[in-house]
């Protein structure tokens, strides 16, 4: 038997969902206009929870989303930028030091330091003249 609390439709046409924090199990309710999977409810409830683990996860996920936006800002015009975004999650999740990619004259790096993901771009322009 499932511990899932069924969602309820309100008179306004929204749906009240119930979910439990993945860390402490505290239940939270929230409204939406779409149906949600059980995992989506758990994720939403965890983001609303005030237990230490949930707060840490929420900060980590916010940092990952900001890092992805920074990849777009700094590297959006390069074809390889989309390939870098998933690595932001891995850096934060596993506290990896850094990731560096070099394509042509562009070097892109992401590093994890003091709970923040830092995105850098370096473009080198090498010119040679012969006579």
C-alpha atoms as a PDB file:
ATOM      1  CA  UNK A   1       0.000   0.000   0.000  1.00  0.00           C
ATOM      2  CA  UNK A   2       1.308   3.444  -0.976  1.00  0.00           C
ATOM      3  CA  UNK A   3       1.892   6.290   1.502  1.00  0.00           C
ATOM      4  CA  UNK A   4       0.994   8.765  -1.231  1.00  0.00           C
ATOM      5  CA  UNK A   5      -1.664  11.337  -0.301  1.00  0.00           C
ATOM      6  CA  UNK A   6      -3.994  11.886  -3.263  1.00  0.00           C
ATOM      7  CA  UNK A   7      -4.103  15.288  -4.931  1.00  0.00           C
ATOM      8  CA  UNK A   8      -7.324  17.329  -4.688  1.00  0.00           C
ATOM      9  CA  UNK A   9      -8.851  19.700  -7.215  1.00  0.00           C
ATOM     10  CA  UNK A  10      -9.881  23.109  -5.863  1.00  0.00           C
ATOM     11  CA  UNK A  11     -12.925  25.166  -6.831  1.00  0.00           C
ATOM     12  CA  UNK A  12     -10.556  27.459  -8.787  1.00  0.00           C
ATOM     13  CA  UNK A  13      -9.515  24.606 -11.051  1.00  0.00           C
ATOM     14  CA  UNK A  14      -6.055  24.223  -9.553  1.00  0.00           C
ATOM     15  CA  UNK A  15      -4.785  21.022  -7.993  1.00  0.00           C
ATOM     16  CA  UNK A  16      -3.541  20.769  -4.409  1.00  0.00           C
ATOM     17  CA  UNK A  17      -0.634  18.321  -4.311  1.00  0.00           C
ATOM     18  CA  UNK A  18       0.952  16.722  -1.266  1.00  0.00           C
ATOM     19  CA  UNK A  19       4.528  15.521  -1.011  1.00  0.00           C
ATOM     20  CA  UNK A  20       7.067  14.500   1.599  1.00  0.00           C
ATOM     21  CA  UNK A  21      10.633  15.776   1.932  1.00  0.00           C
ATOM     22  CA  UNK A  22      13.054  13.147   0.672  1.00  0.00           C
ATOM     23  CA  UNK A  23      15.292  13.694   3.708  1.00  0.00           C
ATOM     24  CA  UNK A  24      13.112  14.174   6.792  1.00  0.00           C
ATOM     25  CA  UNK A  25       9.702  13.006   5.539  1.00  0.00           C
ATOM     26  CA  UNK A  26       7.888  16.208   6.528  1.00  0.00           C
ATOM     27  CA  UNK A  27       4.724  16.666   4.404  1.00  0.00           C
ATOM     28  CA  UNK A  28       4.065  19.833   2.408  1.00  0.00           C
ATOM     29  CA  UNK A  29       1.133  20.925   0.262  1.00  0.00           C
ATOM     30  CA  UNK A  30       1.270  23.121  -2.820  1.00  0.00           C
ATOM     31  CA  UNK A  31      -1.038  24.166  -5.644  1.00  0.00           C
ATOM     32  CA  UNK A  32      -0.492  23.773  -9.351  1.00  0.00           C
ATOM     33  CA  UNK A  33      -2.387  23.590 -12.606  1.00  0.00           C
ATOM     34  CA  UNK A  34      -0.880  20.341 -13.836  1.00  0.00           C
ATOM     35  CA  UNK A  35      -0.741  16.802 -12.528  1.00  0.00           C
ATOM     36  CA  UNK A  36       2.603  15.749 -11.034  1.00  0.00           C
ATOM     37  CA  UNK A  37       4.443  12.463 -10.729  1.00  0.00           C
ATOM     38  CA  UNK A  38       5.342  11.199  -7.267  1.00  0.00           C
ATOM     39  CA  UNK A  39       9.008  12.133  -7.861  1.00  0.00           C
ATOM     40  CA  UNK A  40       8.020  15.682  -8.865  1.00  0.00           C
ATOM     41  CA  UNK A  41       5.955  15.977  -5.670  1.00  0.00           C
ATOM     42  CA  UNK A  42       8.900  14.763  -3.570  1.00  0.00           C
ATOM     43  CA  UNK A  43      11.239  17.226  -5.289  1.00  0.00           C
ATOM     44  CA  UNK A  44       8.811  20.126  -4.768  1.00  0.00           C
ATOM     45  CA  UNK A  45       8.190  19.181  -1.117  1.00  0.00           C
ATOM     46  CA  UNK A  46      11.944  18.914  -0.527  1.00  0.00           C
ATOM     47  CA  UNK A  47      12.471  22.381  -2.020  1.00  0.00           C
ATOM     48  CA  UNK A  48       9.914  23.754   0.475  1.00  0.00           C
ATOM     49  CA  UNK A  49      11.321  21.968   3.529  1.00  0.00           C
ATOM     50  CA  UNK A  50      13.465  23.643   6.157  1.00  0.00           C
ATOM     51  CA  UNK A  51      15.531  20.640   7.225  1.00  0.00           C
ATOM     52  CA  UNK A  52      19.297  21.050   6.807  1.00  0.00           C
ATOM     53  CA  UNK A  53      19.628  18.486   4.015  1.00  0.00           C
ATOM     54  CA  UNK A  54      16.756  19.967   2.003  1.00  0.00           C
ATOM     55  CA  UNK A  55      18.147  23.486   2.331  1.00  0.00           C
ATOM     56  CA  UNK A  56      21.533  22.222   1.096  1.00  0.00           C
ATOM     57  CA  UNK A  57      19.942  20.492  -1.899  1.00  0.00           C
ATOM     58  CA  UNK A  58      17.899  23.581  -2.765  1.00  0.00           C
ATOM     59  CA  UNK A  59      21.006  25.794  -2.678  1.00  0.00           C
ATOM     60  CA  UNK A  60      22.912  23.271  -4.797  1.00  0.00           C
ATOM     61  CA  UNK A  61      20.124  23.123  -7.399  1.00  0.00           C
ATOM     62  CA  UNK A  62      19.861  26.923  -7.504  1.00  0.00           C
ATOM     63  CA  UNK A  63      23.617  27.107  -8.080  1.00  0.00           C
ATOM     64  CA  UNK A  64      23.401  24.556 -10.885  1.00  0.00           C
ATOM     65  CA  UNK A  65      20.638  26.537 -12.625  1.00  0.00           C
ATOM     66  CA  UNK A  66      22.639  29.745 -12.295  1.00  0.00           C
ATOM     67  CA  UNK A  67      25.734  28.005 -13.688  1.00  0.00           C
ATOM     68  CA  UNK A  68      23.721  26.835 -16.717  1.00  0.00           C
ATOM     69  CA  UNK A  69      22.573  30.417 -17.312  1.00  0.00           C
ATOM     70  CA  UNK A  70      26.184  31.581 -17.016  1.00  0.00           C
ATOM     71  CA  UNK A  71      27.224  28.986 -19.607  1.00  0.00           C
ATOM     72  CA  UNK A  72      24.619  30.507 -21.937  1.00  0.00           C
ATOM     73  CA  UNK A  73      25.850  34.047 -21.217  1.00  0.00           C
ATOM     74  CA  UNK A  74      29.535  33.303 -21.724  1.00  0.00           C
ATOM     75  CA  UNK A  75      29.483  30.475 -24.254  1.00  0.00           C
ATOM     76  CA  UNK A  76      26.046  30.519 -25.863  1.00  0.00           C
ATOM     77  CA  UNK A  77      27.363  31.326 -29.323  1.00  0.00           C
ATOM     78  CA  UNK A  78      29.555  28.214 -29.383  1.00  0.00           C
ATOM     79  CA  UNK A  79      28.118  24.852 -30.467  1.00  0.00           C
ATOM     80  CA  UNK A  80      29.690  22.973 -27.545  1.00  0.00           C
ATOM     81  CA  UNK A  81      27.980  25.112 -24.861  1.00  0.00           C
ATOM     82  CA  UNK A  82      24.966  22.780 -24.545  1.00  0.00           C
ATOM     83  CA  UNK A  83      27.304  19.853 -23.897  1.00  0.00           C
ATOM     84  CA  UNK A  84      28.768  21.602 -20.838  1.00  0.00           C
ATOM     85  CA  UNK A  85      25.513  22.285 -18.984  1.00  0.00           C
ATOM     86  CA  UNK A  86      24.972  18.748 -17.578  1.00  0.00           C
ATOM     87  CA  UNK A  87      28.419  18.890 -15.981  1.00  0.00           C
ATOM     88  CA  UNK A  88      27.315  21.737 -13.692  1.00  0.00           C
ATOM     89  CA  UNK A  89      25.156  19.214 -11.807  1.00  0.00           C
ATOM     90  CA  UNK A  90      28.044  16.745 -11.522  1.00  0.00           C
ATOM     91  CA  UNK A  91      30.461  19.399 -10.242  1.00  0.00           C
ATOM     92  CA  UNK A  92      28.063  20.436  -7.491  1.00  0.00           C
ATOM     93  CA  UNK A  93      26.832  16.955  -6.627  1.00  0.00           C
ATOM     94  CA  UNK A  94      30.256  15.370  -6.259  1.00  0.00           C
ATOM     95  CA  UNK A  95      32.221  18.525  -5.311  1.00  0.00           C
ATOM     96  CA  UNK A  96      34.563  18.022  -8.263  1.00  0.00           C
ATOM     97  CA  UNK A  97      37.389  20.523  -8.635  1.00  0.00           C
ATOM     98  CA  UNK A  98      37.014  21.515 -12.271  1.00  0.00           C
ATOM     99  CA  UNK A  99      36.241  20.619 -15.854  1.00  0.00           C
ATOM    100  CA  UNK A 100      38.021  22.192 -18.813  1.00  0.00           C
ATOM    101  CA  UNK A 101      37.150  21.896 -22.503  1.00  0.00           C
ATOM    102  CA  UNK A 102      39.220  23.322 -25.341  1.00  0.00           C
ATOM    103  CA  UNK A 103      37.712  23.674 -28.792  1.00  0.00           C
ATOM    104  CA  UNK A 104      39.779  25.562 -31.323  1.00  0.00           C
ATOM    105  CA  UNK A 105      40.862  28.836 -29.756  1.00  0.00           C
ATOM    106  CA  UNK A 106      38.231  28.736 -26.997  1.00  0.00           C
ATOM    107  CA  UNK A 107      38.885  27.256 -23.569  1.00  0.00           C
ATOM    108  CA  UNK A 108      35.852  26.862 -21.326  1.00  0.00           C
ATOM    109  CA  UNK A 109      36.051  25.779 -17.725  1.00  0.00           C
ATOM    110  CA  UNK A 110      33.733  25.177 -14.801  1.00  0.00           C
ATOM    111  CA  UNK A 111      35.071  24.846 -11.296  1.00  0.00           C
ATOM    112  CA  UNK A 112      33.524  24.247  -7.879  1.00  0.00           C
ATOM    113  CA  UNK A 113      34.788  26.326  -4.988  1.00  0.00           C
ATOM    114  CA  UNK A 114      33.222  27.285  -1.660  1.00  0.00           C
ATOM    115  CA  UNK A 115      29.823  25.944  -2.744  1.00  0.00           C
ATOM    116  CA  UNK A 116      29.753  27.946  -5.973  1.00  0.00           C
ATOM    117  CA  UNK A 117      30.172  26.944  -9.597  1.00  0.00           C
ATOM    118  CA  UNK A 118      32.446  29.288 -11.512  1.00  0.00           C
ATOM    119  CA  UNK A 119      32.201  29.406 -15.316  1.00  0.00           C
ATOM    120  CA  UNK A 120      35.117  30.855 -17.301  1.00  0.00           C
ATOM    121  CA  UNK A 121      35.870  31.452 -20.952  1.00  0.00           C
ATOM    122  CA  UNK A 122      39.244  32.187 -22.490  1.00  0.00           C
ATOM    123  CA  UNK A 123      39.684  32.990 -26.169  1.00  0.00           C
ATOM    124  CA  UNK A 124      43.192  33.020 -27.528  1.00  0.00           C
ATOM    125  CA  UNK A 125      44.074  34.770 -30.731  1.00  0.00           C
ATOM    126  CA  UNK A 126      47.348  33.692 -32.199  1.00  0.00           C
ATOM    127  CA  UNK A 127      48.631  35.514 -35.255  1.00  0.00           C
ATOM    128  CA  UNK A 128      51.609  34.604 -37.366  1.00  0.00           C
ATOM    129  CA  UNK A 129      53.126  36.542 -40.249  1.00  0.00           C
ATOM    130  CA  UNK A 130      55.793  35.290 -42.601  1.00  0.00           C
ATOM    131  CA  UNK A 131      57.812  37.216 -45.150  1.00  0.00           C
END
